[in-house]
Amino acid sequence: MPSNGYFIDWDGNMRSTGDPGGGYECEVDTVARYVAIMGKGGALMHEATYYKTIEDVSKAGIKATLVPGSHPWGRKADGF
């Protein structure tokens, strides 16, 4: 089970490690502050920095909107 926390996806959205959406799962290393977003077949789809709280994201100077897992990954303009 992934550690509760947050990461920034490739579109600049903030997502929960517990509900990344898109059928993806997160592998989290809280010590290294690393999130591996894995596809259904086990392929690495995205790498990101782990943030324990939303406040930690803000402290890092990142302005991102928290989106639910139901929010699609990618943009229609990119073919998603």
PDB file of N, CA and C in Angstrom:
ATOM      1  N   MET A   1       0.848  -1.186   0.000  1.00  0.00           N
ATOM      2  CA  MET A   1       0.000   0.000   0.000  1.00  0.00           C
ATOM      3  C   MET A   1       0.890   1.245   0.000  1.00  0.00           C
ATOM      4  N   PRO A   2       0.614   2.183  -0.897  1.00  0.00           N
ATOM      5  CA  PRO A   2       1.459   3.370  -0.955  1.00  0.00           C
ATOM      6  C   PRO A   2       1.296   4.255   0.277  1.00  0.00           C
ATOM      7  N   SER A   3       2.362   4.959   0.599  1.00  0.00           N
ATOM      8  CA  SER A   3       2.286   5.929   1.687  1.00  0.00           C
ATOM      9  C   SER A   3       1.407   7.091   1.237  1.00  0.00           C
ATOM     10  N   ASN A   4       0.622   7.605   2.137  1.00  0.00           N
ATOM     11  CA  ASN A   4      -0.196   8.762   1.787  1.00  0.00           C
ATOM     12  C   ASN A   4       0.717   9.948   1.581  1.00  0.00           C
ATOM     13  N   GLY A   5       0.513  10.623   0.497  1.00  0.00           N
ATOM     14  CA  GLY A   5       1.312  11.774   0.147  1.00  0.00           C
ATOM     15  C   GLY A   5       0.895  12.263  -1.222  1.00  0.00           C
ATOM     16  N   TYR A   6       1.748  13.072  -1.829  1.00  0.00           N
ATOM     17  CA  TYR A   6       1.397  13.726  -3.079  1.00  0.00           C
ATOM     18  C   TYR A   6       2.588  13.756  -4.026  1.00  0.00           C
ATOM     19  N   PHE A   7       2.294  13.916  -5.308  1.00  0.00           N
ATOM     20  CA  PHE A   7       3.315  14.090  -6.332  1.00  0.00           C
ATOM     21  C   PHE A   7       2.721  14.946  -7.446  1.00  0.00           C
ATOM     22  N   ILE A   8       3.594  15.418  -8.324  1.00  0.00           N
ATOM     23  CA  ILE A   8       3.159  16.233  -9.455  1.00  0.00           C
ATOM     24  C   ILE A   8       3.246  15.366 -10.707  1.00  0.00           C
ATOM     25  N   ASP A   9       2.136  15.314 -11.474  1.00  0.00           N
ATOM     26  CA  ASP A   9       2.134  14.505 -12.693  1.00  0.00           C
ATOM     27  C   ASP A   9       2.745  15.281 -13.860  1.00  0.00           C
ATOM     28  N   TRP A  10       2.804  14.667 -15.041  1.00  0.00           N
ATOM     29  CA  TRP A  10       3.490  15.280 -16.180  1.00  0.00           C
ATOM     30  C   TRP A  10       2.764  16.487 -16.752  1.00  0.00           C
ATOM     31  N   ASP A  11       1.521  16.732 -16.319  1.00  0.00           N
ATOM     32  CA  ASP A  11       0.789  17.926 -16.746  1.00  0.00           C
ATOM     33  C   ASP A  11       0.814  19.029 -15.694  1.00  0.00           C
ATOM     34  N   GLY A  12       1.532  18.805 -14.597  1.00  0.00           N
ATOM     35  CA  GLY A  12       1.620  19.814 -13.545  1.00  0.00           C
ATOM     36  C   GLY A  12       0.500  19.759 -12.534  1.00  0.00           C
ATOM     37  N   ASN A  13      -0.290  18.689 -12.541  1.00  0.00           N
ATOM     38  CA  ASN A  13      -1.347  18.497 -11.547  1.00  0.00           C
ATOM     39  C   ASN A  13      -0.774  17.798 -10.323  1.00  0.00           C
ATOM     40  N   MET A  14      -1.325  18.102  -9.164  1.00  0.00           N
ATOM     41  CA  MET A  14      -0.959  17.406  -7.937  1.00  0.00           C
ATOM     42  C   MET A  14      -1.903  16.223  -7.777  1.00  0.00           C
ATOM     43  N   ARG A  15      -1.330  15.052  -7.474  1.00  0.00           N
ATOM     44  CA  ARG A  15      -2.123  13.842  -7.299  1.00  0.00           C
ATOM     45  C   ARG A  15      -1.745  13.157  -5.990  1.00  0.00           C
ATOM     46  N   SER A  16      -2.690  12.416  -5.443  1.00  0.00           N
ATOM     47  CA  SER A  16      -2.460  11.630  -4.239  1.00  0.00           C
ATOM     48  C   SER A  16      -1.770  10.325  -4.607  1.00  0.00           C
ATOM     49  N   THR A  17      -0.799   9.914  -3.815  1.00  0.00           N
ATOM     50  CA  THR A  17      -0.138   8.629  -4.057  1.00  0.00           C
ATOM     51  C   THR A  17      -1.096   7.465  -3.826  1.00  0.00           C
ATOM     52  N   GLY A  18      -2.135   7.688  -3.040  1.00  0.00           N
ATOM     53  CA  GLY A  18      -3.116   6.640  -2.767  1.00  0.00           C
ATOM     54  C   GLY A  18      -4.159   6.484  -3.849  1.00  0.00           C
ATOM     55  N   ASP A  19      -4.293   7.490  -4.727  1.00  0.00           N
ATOM     56  CA  ASP A  19      -5.289   7.452  -5.798  1.00  0.00           C
ATOM     57  C   ASP A  19      -4.760   8.222  -7.002  1.00  0.00           C
ATOM     58  N   PRO A  20      -3.731   7.657  -7.683  1.00  0.00           N
ATOM     59  CA  PRO A  20      -3.148   8.393  -8.797  1.00  0.00           C
ATOM     60  C   PRO A  20      -4.011   8.426 -10.049  1.00  0.00           C
ATOM     61  N   GLY A  21      -4.955   7.499 -10.155  1.00  0.00           N
ATOM     62  CA  GLY A  21      -5.820   7.443 -11.326  1.00  0.00           C
ATOM     63  C   GLY A  21      -5.145   6.796 -12.519  1.00  0.00           C
ATOM     64  N   GLY A  22      -5.872   6.730 -13.618  1.00  0.00           N
ATOM     65  CA  GLY A  22      -5.348   6.193 -14.860  1.00  0.00           C
ATOM     66  C   GLY A  22      -5.008   4.717 -14.821  1.00  0.00           C
ATOM     67  N   GLY A  23      -5.459   4.011 -13.793  1.00  0.00           N
ATOM     68  CA  GLY A  23      -5.101   2.611 -13.650  1.00  0.00           C
ATOM     69  C   GLY A  23      -3.685   2.411 -13.135  1.00  0.00           C
ATOM     70  N   TYR A  24      -3.038   3.489 -12.723  1.00  0.00           N
ATOM     71  CA  TYR A  24      -1.667   3.435 -12.236  1.00  0.00           C
ATOM     72  C   TYR A  24      -1.627   3.152 -10.744  1.00  0.00           C
ATOM     73  N   GLU A  25      -0.477   2.665 -10.282  1.00  0.00           N
ATOM     74  CA  GLU A  25      -0.215   2.471  -8.856  1.00  0.00           C
ATOM     75  C   GLU A  25       1.107   3.138  -8.524  1.00  0.00           C
ATOM     76  N   CYS A  26       1.229   3.595  -7.291  1.00  0.00           N
ATOM     77  CA  CYS A  26       2.450   4.271  -6.867  1.00  0.00           C
ATOM     78  C   CYS A  26       3.287   3.377  -5.968  1.00  0.00           C
ATOM     79  N   GLU A  27       4.581   3.377  -6.223  1.00  0.00           N
ATOM     80  CA  GLU A  27       5.552   2.789  -5.316  1.00  0.00           C
ATOM     81  C   GLU A  27       6.296   3.973  -4.713  1.00  0.00           C
ATOM     82  N   VAL A  28       6.280   4.074  -3.393  1.00  0.00           N
ATOM     83  CA  VAL A  28       6.789   5.258  -2.709  1.00  0.00           C
ATOM     84  C   VAL A  28       7.973   4.915  -1.819  1.00  0.00           C
ATOM     85  N   ASP A  29       9.015   5.730  -1.921  1.00  0.00           N
ATOM     86  CA  ASP A  29      10.154   5.661  -1.014  1.00  0.00           C
ATOM     87  C   ASP A  29      10.180   7.003  -0.290  1.00  0.00           C
ATOM     88  N   THR A  30       9.658   7.012   0.933  1.00  0.00           N
ATOM     89  CA  THR A  30       9.536   8.274   1.669  1.00  0.00           C
ATOM     90  C   THR A  30      10.891   8.840   2.081  1.00  0.00           C
ATOM     91  N   VAL A  31      11.875   7.978   2.315  1.00  0.00           N
ATOM     92  CA  VAL A  31      13.201   8.446   2.715  1.00  0.00           C
ATOM     93  C   VAL A  31      13.879   9.171   1.553  1.00  0.00           C
ATOM     94  N   ALA A  32      13.798   8.583   0.367  1.00  0.00           N
ATOM     95  CA  ALA A  32      14.401   9.193  -0.828  1.00  0.00           C
ATOM     96  C   ALA A  32      13.498  10.261  -1.441  1.00  0.00           C
ATOM     97  N   ARG A  33      12.278  10.375  -0.929  1.00  0.00           N
ATOM     98  CA  ARG A  33      11.272  11.309  -1.453  1.00  0.00           C
ATOM     99  C   ARG A  33      11.011  11.044  -2.934  1.00  0.00           C
ATOM    100  N   TYR A  34      10.772   9.774  -3.259  1.00  0.00           N
ATOM    101  CA  TYR A  34      10.638   9.318  -4.634  1.00  0.00           C
ATOM    102  C   TYR A  34       9.322   8.570  -4.819  1.00  0.00           C
ATOM    103  N   VAL A  35       8.668   8.843  -5.955  1.00  0.00           N
ATOM    104  CA  VAL A  35       7.448   8.132  -6.320  1.00  0.00           C
ATOM    105  C   VAL A  35       7.647   7.548  -7.713  1.00  0.00           C
ATOM    106  N   ALA A  36       7.423   6.250  -7.845  1.00  0.00           N
ATOM    107  CA  ALA A  36       7.410   5.587  -9.143  1.00  0.00           C
ATOM    108  C   ALA A  36       5.954   5.289  -9.466  1.00  0.00           C
ATOM    109  N   ILE A  37       5.462   5.810 -10.577  1.00  0.00           N
ATOM    110  CA  ILE A  37       4.090   5.570 -10.990  1.00  0.00           C
ATOM    111  C   ILE A  37       4.145   4.437 -12.012  1.00  0.00           C
ATOM    112  N   MET A  38       3.522   3.325 -11.655  1.00  0.00           N
ATOM    113  CA  MET A  38       3.630   2.098 -12.431  1.00  0.00           C
ATOM    114  C   MET A  38       2.333   1.795 -13.176  1.00  0.00           C
ATOM    115  N   GLY A  39       2.480   1.314 -14.407  1.00  0.00           N
ATOM    116  CA  GLY A  39       1.339   0.903 -15.211  1.00  0.00           C
ATOM    117  C   GLY A  39       0.852  -0.478 -14.804  1.00  0.00           C
ATOM    118  N   LYS A  40      -0.241  -0.893 -15.417  1.00  0.00           N
ATOM    119  CA  LYS A  40      -0.857  -2.187 -15.080  1.00  0.00           C
ATOM    120  C   LYS A  40       0.085  -3.361 -15.291  1.00  0.00           C
ATOM    121  N   GLY A  41       0.936  -3.295 -16.297  1.00  0.00           N
ATOM    122  CA  GLY A  41       1.862  -4.387 -16.574  1.00  0.00           C
ATOM    123  C   GLY A  41       3.174  -4.282 -15.833  1.00  0.00           C
ATOM    124  N   GLY A  42       3.297  -3.296 -14.950  1.00  0.00           N
ATOM    125  CA  GLY A  42       4.505  -3.121 -14.170  1.00  0.00           C
ATOM    126  C   GLY A  42       5.524  -2.177 -14.779  1.00  0.00           C
ATOM    127  N   ALA A  43       5.167  -1.549 -15.905  1.00  0.00           N
ATOM    128  CA  ALA A  43       6.090  -0.609 -16.553  1.00  0.00           C
ATOM    129  C   ALA A  43       6.112   0.718 -15.800  1.00  0.00           C
ATOM    130  N   LEU A  44       7.294   1.296 -15.696  1.00  0.00           N
ATOM    131  CA  LEU A  44       7.437   2.611 -15.083  1.00  0.00           C
ATOM    132  C   LEU A  44       6.879   3.653 -16.051  1.00  0.00           C
ATOM    133  N   MET A  45       5.859   4.379 -15.622  1.00  0.00           N
ATOM    134  CA  MET A  45       5.205   5.361 -16.478  1.00  0.00           C
ATOM    135  C   MET A  45       5.640   6.799 -16.189  1.00  0.00           C
ATOM    136  N   HIS A  46       6.017   7.068 -14.937  1.00  0.00           N
ATOM    137  CA  HIS A  46       6.368   8.430 -14.527  1.00  0.00           C
ATOM    138  C   HIS A  46       7.151   8.346 -13.232  1.00  0.00           C
ATOM    139  N   GLU A  47       8.077   9.273 -13.036  1.00  0.00           N
ATOM    140  CA  GLU A  47       8.811   9.396 -11.783  1.00  0.00           C
ATOM    141  C   GLU A  47       8.548  10.788 -11.232  1.00  0.00           C
ATOM    142  N   ALA A  48       8.446  10.883  -9.916  1.00  0.00           N
ATOM    143  CA  ALA A  48       8.142  12.176  -9.310  1.00  0.00           C
ATOM    144  C   ALA A  48       8.732  12.265  -7.911  1.00  0.00           C
ATOM    145  N   THR A  49       8.752  13.472  -7.403  1.00  0.00           N
ATOM    146  CA  THR A  49       9.172  13.734  -6.025  1.00  0.00           C
ATOM    147  C   THR A  49       7.988  13.510  -5.105  1.00  0.00           C
ATOM    148  N   TYR A  50       8.235  12.872  -3.987  1.00  0.00           N
ATOM    149  CA  TYR A  50       7.219  12.626  -2.967  1.00  0.00           C
ATOM    150  C   TYR A  50       7.126  13.817  -2.025  1.00  0.00           C
ATOM    151  N   TYR A  51       5.910  14.262  -1.782  1.00  0.00           N
ATOM    152  CA  TYR A  51       5.630  15.313  -0.802  1.00  0.00           C
ATOM    153  C   TYR A  51       4.657  14.742   0.214  1.00  0.00           C
ATOM    154  N   LYS A  52       4.991  14.851   1.493  1.00  0.00           N
ATOM    155  CA  LYS A  52       4.158  14.283   2.545  1.00  0.00           C
ATOM    156  C   LYS A  52       2.820  15.015   2.672  1.00  0.00           C
ATOM    157  N   THR A  53       2.833  16.342   2.522  1.00  0.00           N
ATOM    158  CA  THR A  53       1.610  17.127   2.685  1.00  0.00           C
ATOM    159  C   THR A  53       1.455  18.128   1.534  1.00  0.00           C
ATOM    160  N   ILE A  54       0.258  18.649   1.403  1.00  0.00           N
ATOM    161  CA  ILE A  54      -0.002  19.698   0.415  1.00  0.00           C
ATOM    162  C   ILE A  54       0.834  20.930   0.753  1.00  0.00           C
ATOM    163  N   GLU A  55       1.022  21.184   2.033  1.00  0.00           N
ATOM    164  CA  GLU A  55       1.842  22.316   2.466  1.00  0.00           C
ATOM    165  C   GLU A  55       3.290  22.156   2.005  1.00  0.00           C
ATOM    166  N   ASP A  56       3.787  20.931   1.983  1.00  0.00           N
ATOM    167  CA  ASP A  56       5.147  20.682   1.508  1.00  0.00           C
ATOM    168  C   ASP A  56       5.286  21.017   0.025  1.00  0.00           C
ATOM    169  N   VAL A  57       4.245  20.755  -0.747  1.00  0.00           N
ATOM    170  CA  VAL A  57       4.249  21.117  -2.173  1.00  0.00           C
ATOM    171  C   VAL A  57       4.347  22.634  -2.302  1.00  0.00           C
ATOM    172  N   SER A  58       3.547  23.350  -1.526  1.00  0.00           N
ATOM    173  CA  SER A  58       3.571  24.819  -1.545  1.00  0.00           C
ATOM    174  C   SER A  58       4.919  25.370  -1.109  1.00  0.00           C
ATOM    175  N   LYS A  59       5.500  24.776  -0.064  1.00  0.00           N
ATOM    176  CA  LYS A  59       6.808  25.221   0.427  1.00  0.00           C
ATOM    177  C   LYS A  59       7.897  25.057  -0.632  1.00  0.00           C
ATOM    178  N   ALA A  60       7.712  24.083  -1.530  1.00  0.00           N
ATOM    179  CA  ALA A  60       8.674  23.848  -2.607  1.00  0.00           C
ATOM    180  C   ALA A  60       8.495  24.864  -3.747  1.00  0.00           C
ATOM    181  N   GLY A  61       7.509  25.756  -3.587  1.00  0.00           N
ATOM    182  CA  GLY A  61       7.276  26.780  -4.602  1.00  0.00           C
ATOM    183  C   GLY A  61       6.453  26.296  -5.782  1.00  0.00           C
ATOM    184  N   ILE A  62       5.785  25.170  -5.609  1.00  0.00           N
ATOM    185  CA  ILE A  62       4.980  24.599  -6.691  1.00  0.00           C
ATOM    186  C   ILE A  62       3.527  25.010  -6.508  1.00  0.00           C
ATOM    187  N   LYS A  63       2.965  25.550  -7.563  1.00  0.00           N
ATOM    188  CA  LYS A  63       1.544  25.911  -7.562  1.00  0.00           C
ATOM    189  C   LYS A  63       0.838  24.922  -8.466  1.00  0.00           C
ATOM    190  N   ALA A  64       0.146  23.973  -7.852  1.00  0.00           N
ATOM    191  CA  ALA A  64      -0.535  22.926  -8.604  1.00  0.00           C
ATOM    192  C   ALA A  64      -1.903  22.676  -7.976  1.00  0.00           C
ATOM    193  N   THR A  65      -2.822  22.259  -8.813  1.00  0.00           N
ATOM    194  CA  THR A  65      -4.163  21.932  -8.361  1.00  0.00           C
ATOM    195  C   THR A  65      -4.242  20.448  -8.048  1.00  0.00           C
ATOM    196  N   LEU A  66      -4.786  20.117  -6.875  1.00  0.00           N
ATOM    197  CA  LEU A  66      -4.995  18.720  -6.504  1.00  0.00           C
ATOM    198  C   LEU A  66      -6.162  18.186  -7.322  1.00  0.00           C
ATOM    199  N   VAL A  67      -5.921  17.114  -8.069  1.00  0.00           N
ATOM    200  CA  VAL A  67      -6.976  16.517  -8.884  1.00  0.00           C
ATOM    201  C   VAL A  67      -7.284  15.124  -8.353  1.00  0.00           C
ATOM    202  N   PRO A  68      -8.528  14.674  -8.518  1.00  0.00           N
ATOM    203  CA  PRO A  68      -8.892  13.324  -8.073  1.00  0.00           C
ATOM    204  C   PRO A  68      -8.359  12.281  -9.050  1.00  0.00           C
ATOM    205  N   GLY A  69      -8.347  11.039  -8.622  1.00  0.00           N
ATOM    206  CA  GLY A  69      -7.901   9.956  -9.489  1.00  0.00           C
ATOM    207  C   GLY A  69      -8.711   9.838 -10.767  1.00  0.00           C
ATOM    208  N   SER A  70      -9.953  10.322 -10.749  1.00  0.00           N
ATOM    209  CA  SER A  70     -10.803  10.256 -11.938  1.00  0.00           C
ATOM    210  C   SER A  70     -10.380  11.257 -13.015  1.00  0.00           C
ATOM    211  N   HIS A  71      -9.537  12.226 -12.650  1.00  0.00           N
ATOM    212  CA  HIS A  71      -9.049  13.218 -13.614  1.00  0.00           C
ATOM    213  C   HIS A  71      -8.093  12.526 -14.581  1.00  0.00           C
ATOM    214  N   PRO A  72      -8.307  12.683 -15.896  1.00  0.00           N
ATOM    215  CA  PRO A  72      -7.452  11.953 -16.846  1.00  0.00           C
ATOM    216  C   PRO A  72      -6.008  12.431 -16.842  1.00  0.00           C
ATOM    217  N   TRP A  73      -5.122  11.484 -17.096  1.00  0.00           N
ATOM    218  CA  TRP A  73      -3.707  11.782 -17.317  1.00  0.00           C
ATOM    219  C   TRP A  73      -3.586  12.217 -18.763  1.00  0.00           C
ATOM    220  N   GLY A  74      -2.791  13.209 -19.033  1.00  0.00           N
ATOM    221  CA  GLY A  74      -2.599  13.677 -20.396  1.00  0.00           C
ATOM    222  C   GLY A  74      -3.711  14.621 -20.827  1.00  0.00           C
ATOM    223  N   ARG A  75      -3.479  15.250 -21.966  1.00  0.00           N
ATOM    224  CA  ARG A  75      -4.446  16.211 -22.484  1.00  0.00           C
ATOM    225  C   ARG A  75      -5.011  15.706 -23.796  1.00  0.00           C
ATOM    226  N   LYS A  76      -6.223  16.148 -24.128  1.00  0.00           N
ATOM    227  CA  LYS A  76      -6.826  15.756 -25.401  1.00  0.00           C
ATOM    228  C   LYS A  76      -5.955  16.164 -26.560  1.00  0.00           C
ATOM    229  N   ALA A  77      -5.300  17.319 -26.451  1.00  0.00           N
ATOM    230  CA  ALA A  77      -4.423  17.814 -27.523  1.00  0.00           C
ATOM    231  C   ALA A  77      -3.253  16.862 -27.767  1.00  0.00           C
ATOM    232  N   ASP A  78      -2.913  16.056 -26.768  1.00  0.00           N
ATOM    233  CA  ASP A  78      -1.823  15.094 -26.886  1.00  0.00           C
ATOM    234  C   ASP A  78      -2.304  13.709 -27.298  1.00  0.00           C
ATOM    235  N   GLY A  79      -3.601  13.580 -27.547  1.00  0.00           N
ATOM    236  CA  GLY A  79      -4.157  12.298 -27.966  1.00  0.00           C
ATOM    237  C   GLY A  79      -4.657  11.410 -26.848  1.00  0.00           C
ATOM    238  N   PHE A  80      -4.762  11.974 -25.629  1.00  0.00           N
ATOM    239  CA  PHE A  80      -5.272  11.175 -24.498  1.00  0.00           C
ATOM    240  C   PHE A  80      -6.738  11.431 -24.290  1.00  0.00           C
TER     241      PHE A  80
END
